[in-house]
């Protein structure tokens, strides 16, 4: 199962005998991207860490071959890009589906460790995903994942950009009963690559974003009050 994002309609089709993922731009794509950019900027101002989000031109460029090659050099796997145009893109189909659904179906939380490693690797290289939810990772095999939906990547070493990565990932899994184990695995993977604990800002961002991501407010609120002091810098 592939996560349907705000910007594109996603379908699995066959092209020249090969199963592929086709992502067609929605008529409201630019407006939806404007909303995401606005939320990014608004939260940065509320937290007194004003930050510039990716521009519209960067969003499309980030999906292209150059960024994927750059990510490969960093050790970040992405689906093979088959074609890209102004109306959408076609990518390699990855059988395992997205990481959120993998957790729902009971797959090992060790996959969160890998996601943490990838996030830490990006930060070490001076980049941030910005939109780092679990639905943007695809499961390729046992403890192997690829990163998709690359539009909001930006070259940034700011504490806010890094905190948005951590916060958006954690917020996207806050409605799962296995949240505590996923959080710890993600943290361990992140620290193993980046060498630093989470910023306290990331927990604030997590709590803000989880209100929009959650499909089960009861579980989310329960997870929100769990003590996270051991994970953050002091």
Protein backbone atom coordinates (compact mmCIF):
# COMPACT_ATOMS: atom_id res chain seq x y z
CA UNK A 1 0.00 0.00 0.00
CA UNK A 2 1.39 3.40 -1.01
CA UNK A 3 0.65 6.53 0.97
CA UNK A 4 -1.33 9.12 -1.04
CA UNK A 5 0.21 12.51 -0.48
CA UNK A 6 -1.25 15.98 -0.71
CA UNK A 7 0.57 16.90 -3.91
CA UNK A 8 -0.04 13.89 -6.14
CA UNK A 9 -2.40 11.07 -6.98
CA UNK A 10 -0.44 7.83 -6.63
CA UNK A 11 -1.21 4.64 -8.58
CA UNK A 12 0.56 1.38 -9.33
CA UNK A 13 0.61 0.64 -13.06
CA UNK A 14 2.49 -1.44 -15.63
CA UNK A 15 4.96 0.11 -18.06
CA UNK A 16 6.76 -2.01 -20.67
CA UNK A 17 6.06 -5.10 -18.60
CA UNK A 18 7.40 -3.50 -15.42
CA UNK A 19 5.29 -2.56 -12.41
CA UNK A 20 5.82 1.14 -11.62
CA UNK A 21 4.45 3.85 -9.33
CA UNK A 22 2.89 6.77 -11.19
CA UNK A 23 2.55 10.05 -9.28
CA UNK A 24 0.36 12.55 -11.12
CA UNK A 25 0.20 16.14 -9.92
CA UNK A 26 -3.13 17.16 -8.44
CA UNK A 27 -4.74 20.40 -9.72
CA UNK A 28 -4.26 21.74 -6.19
CA UNK A 29 -0.57 20.70 -5.96
CA UNK A 30 0.87 24.23 -5.74
CA UNK A 31 -1.76 25.36 -3.25
CA UNK A 32 -1.13 22.31 -1.05
CA UNK A 33 2.62 22.92 -1.23
CA UNK A 34 1.99 26.53 -0.25
CA UNK A 35 0.09 25.29 2.82
CA UNK A 36 2.95 22.96 3.81
CA UNK A 37 5.51 25.73 3.32
CA UNK A 38 3.34 28.09 5.37
CA UNK A 39 3.05 25.58 8.23
CA UNK A 40 6.83 25.11 8.18
CA UNK A 41 7.39 28.87 8.39
CA UNK A 42 4.68 29.47 10.98
CA UNK A 43 6.03 26.83 13.38
CA UNK A 44 9.56 28.21 12.94
CA UNK A 45 8.35 31.68 13.94
CA UNK A 46 6.32 30.36 16.88
CA UNK A 47 9.46 28.62 18.15
CA UNK A 48 11.56 31.76 17.52
CA UNK A 49 13.69 29.91 14.96
CA UNK A 50 12.64 31.70 11.74
CA UNK A 51 13.61 29.54 8.76
CA UNK A 52 13.25 29.73 5.00
CA UNK A 53 11.41 26.74 3.51
CA UNK A 54 12.23 25.21 0.09
CA UNK A 55 10.98 27.23 -2.90
CA UNK A 56 8.54 25.87 -5.50
CA UNK A 57 11.38 25.47 -8.04
CA UNK A 58 13.46 23.52 -5.53
CA UNK A 59 10.57 21.15 -4.78
CA UNK A 60 10.49 19.86 -8.37
CA UNK A 61 14.29 19.85 -8.76
CA UNK A 62 14.65 17.76 -5.60
CA UNK A 63 12.67 14.93 -7.20
CA UNK A 64 15.09 14.72 -10.12
CA UNK A 65 18.09 12.57 -10.97
CA UNK A 66 20.72 14.94 -9.52
CA UNK A 67 19.29 14.87 -5.99
CA UNK A 68 18.87 11.09 -6.12
CA UNK A 69 22.51 10.71 -7.15
CA UNK A 70 23.50 13.05 -4.34
CA UNK A 71 21.48 11.01 -1.84
CA UNK A 72 23.05 7.78 -3.11
CA UNK A 73 26.50 9.24 -2.36
CA UNK A 74 25.29 9.87 1.22
CA UNK A 75 24.14 6.26 1.50
CA UNK A 76 20.44 7.09 1.19
CA UNK A 77 18.52 4.74 -1.11
CA UNK A 78 15.66 6.05 -3.28
CA UNK A 79 13.36 4.37 -5.81
CA UNK A 80 14.74 4.44 -9.36
CA UNK A 81 13.35 7.45 -11.21
CA UNK A 82 12.02 6.33 -14.60
CA UNK A 83 10.67 9.68 -15.84
CA UNK A 84 9.77 13.13 -14.57
CA UNK A 85 7.85 16.03 -16.12
CA UNK A 86 5.73 19.04 -15.19
CA UNK A 87 2.70 16.79 -14.75
CA UNK A 88 4.23 14.13 -12.51
CA UNK A 89 6.78 11.37 -12.25
CA UNK A 90 7.20 7.62 -12.60
CA UNK A 91 9.25 5.61 -10.11
CA UNK A 92 10.30 2.03 -9.51
CA UNK A 93 7.66 0.04 -7.63
CA UNK A 94 8.82 -1.26 -4.25
CA UNK A 95 6.85 -4.24 -3.03
CA UNK A 96 7.02 -3.67 0.72
CA UNK A 97 4.88 -0.52 0.90
CA UNK A 98 5.43 2.37 3.28
CA UNK A 99 7.06 2.23 6.70
CA UNK A 100 4.00 3.35 8.66
CA UNK A 101 1.94 0.45 7.30
CA UNK A 102 4.87 -1.88 7.98
CA UNK A 103 4.69 -0.95 11.66
CA UNK A 104 0.90 -1.36 11.65
CA UNK A 105 1.29 -4.86 10.21
CA UNK A 106 3.77 -5.82 12.93
CA UNK A 107 7.07 -5.62 11.06
CA UNK A 108 10.14 -5.11 13.29
CA UNK A 109 10.76 -1.73 14.90
CA UNK A 110 14.36 -2.22 13.78
CA UNK A 111 13.22 -0.51 10.59
CA UNK A 112 12.90 2.67 12.68
CA UNK A 113 16.59 2.29 13.57
CA UNK A 114 17.38 2.36 9.83
CA UNK A 115 15.19 5.45 9.36
CA UNK A 116 17.06 7.09 12.24
CA UNK A 117 20.40 6.23 10.60
CA UNK A 118 19.25 7.75 7.30
CA UNK A 119 18.04 10.93 9.03
CA UNK A 120 21.29 11.26 10.98
CA UNK A 121 23.31 10.67 7.80
CA UNK A 122 21.45 13.50 6.08
CA UNK A 123 22.07 15.86 8.98
CA UNK A 124 25.74 14.95 9.08
CA UNK A 125 25.96 15.90 5.40
CA UNK A 126 24.19 19.23 6.03
CA UNK A 127 20.80 18.34 4.56
CA UNK A 128 17.30 17.94 5.95
CA UNK A 129 14.26 16.08 4.57
CA UNK A 130 11.81 18.53 6.26
CA UNK A 131 8.82 16.23 5.55
CA UNK A 132 10.23 13.12 7.22
CA UNK A 133 7.10 11.14 8.09
CA UNK A 134 7.22 7.34 8.17
CA UNK A 135 4.93 7.20 5.11
CA UNK A 136 7.80 8.68 3.06
CA UNK A 137 9.94 5.57 3.60
CA UNK A 138 9.39 2.40 1.56
CA UNK A 139 10.34 -1.05 2.82
CA UNK A 140 12.66 -2.79 0.33
CA UNK A 141 13.46 -5.86 2.40
CA UNK A 142 14.58 -7.02 5.81
CA UNK A 143 15.87 -3.88 7.57
CA UNK A 144 16.25 -2.10 4.21
CA UNK A 145 14.27 1.01 3.33
CA UNK A 146 14.25 3.67 0.62
CA UNK A 147 13.28 7.32 0.85
CA UNK A 148 10.61 8.69 -1.49
CA UNK A 149 8.76 12.05 -1.84
CA UNK A 150 11.94 14.11 -1.93
CA UNK A 151 10.49 17.50 -2.84
CA UNK A 152 11.01 19.29 0.47
CA UNK A 153 14.69 18.41 0.95
CA UNK A 154 16.82 21.44 1.69
CA UNK A 155 20.49 22.05 2.31
CA UNK A 156 20.41 23.21 5.91
CA UNK A 157 22.28 22.56 9.12
CA UNK A 158 19.94 24.64 11.27
CA UNK A 159 18.66 23.23 14.53
CA UNK A 160 15.10 23.92 13.37
CA UNK A 161 15.43 21.97 10.09
CA UNK A 162 16.95 19.00 11.92
CA UNK A 163 14.26 19.19 14.60
CA UNK A 164 11.55 19.23 11.92
CA UNK A 165 12.95 15.95 10.55
CA UNK A 166 12.92 14.28 13.96
CA UNK A 167 9.60 15.78 15.00
CA UNK A 168 7.76 14.90 11.79
CA UNK A 169 8.93 11.28 11.90
CA UNK A 170 7.92 10.82 15.53
CA UNK A 171 4.60 12.63 15.00
CA UNK A 172 3.71 10.29 12.14
CA UNK A 173 3.90 7.21 14.39
CA UNK A 174 2.45 8.72 17.59
CA UNK A 175 -0.85 6.91 17.10
CA UNK A 176 0.76 3.45 17.25
CA UNK A 177 0.82 1.30 20.38
CA UNK A 178 4.44 0.41 19.59
CA UNK A 179 5.42 4.11 19.62
CA UNK A 180 7.85 3.88 22.54
CA UNK A 181 9.85 1.09 20.87
CA UNK A 182 9.81 2.89 17.51
CA UNK A 183 10.94 6.15 19.13
CA UNK A 184 13.85 4.45 20.91
CA UNK A 185 14.97 2.58 17.78
CA UNK A 186 14.81 5.78 15.69
CA UNK A 187 16.78 7.63 18.37
CA UNK A 188 19.47 4.94 18.55
CA UNK A 189 19.90 4.96 14.77
CA UNK A 190 20.02 8.75 14.66
CA UNK A 191 22.65 9.04 17.40
CA UNK A 192 24.76 6.29 15.83
CA UNK A 193 25.12 8.43 12.68
CA UNK A 194 24.86 12.04 13.84
CA UNK A 195 26.37 11.66 17.30
CA UNK A 196 23.97 14.05 19.07
CA UNK A 197 20.69 13.65 20.94
CA UNK A 198 17.46 15.23 19.72
CA UNK A 199 16.92 18.94 20.27
CA UNK A 200 14.12 19.78 22.71
CA UNK A 201 12.52 21.65 19.78
CA UNK A 202 11.93 18.34 18.02
CA UNK A 203 9.64 17.16 20.83
CA UNK A 204 7.62 20.39 20.63
CA UNK A 205 7.31 19.97 16.85
CA UNK A 206 6.35 16.32 17.37
CA UNK A 207 3.48 17.32 19.63
CA UNK A 208 2.24 20.04 17.27
CA UNK A 209 2.34 17.89 14.13
CA UNK A 210 0.90 14.79 15.78
CA UNK A 211 -2.43 16.61 16.12
CA UNK A 212 -2.67 16.60 12.32
CA UNK A 213 -1.16 13.17 11.66
CA UNK A 214 -2.99 11.12 14.26
CA UNK A 215 -5.72 8.63 13.42
CA UNK A 216 -6.22 7.71 17.10
CA UNK A 217 -6.19 10.68 19.46
CA UNK A 218 -6.39 8.52 22.58
CA UNK A 219 -3.18 6.62 21.80
CA UNK A 220 -1.50 9.82 20.59
CA UNK A 221 -2.23 11.68 23.82
CA UNK A 222 -1.00 8.71 25.84
CA UNK A 223 2.27 8.67 23.89
CA UNK A 224 2.61 12.44 24.06
CA UNK A 225 2.97 12.41 27.85
CA UNK A 226 5.72 9.76 27.86
CA UNK A 227 8.95 11.05 29.33
CA UNK A 228 11.40 11.95 26.53
CA UNK A 229 14.07 13.68 28.63
CA UNK A 230 16.60 10.90 28.07
CA UNK A 231 16.45 11.55 24.32
CA UNK A 232 17.04 15.30 24.23
CA UNK A 233 20.04 17.53 24.68
CA UNK A 234 20.27 19.36 28.00
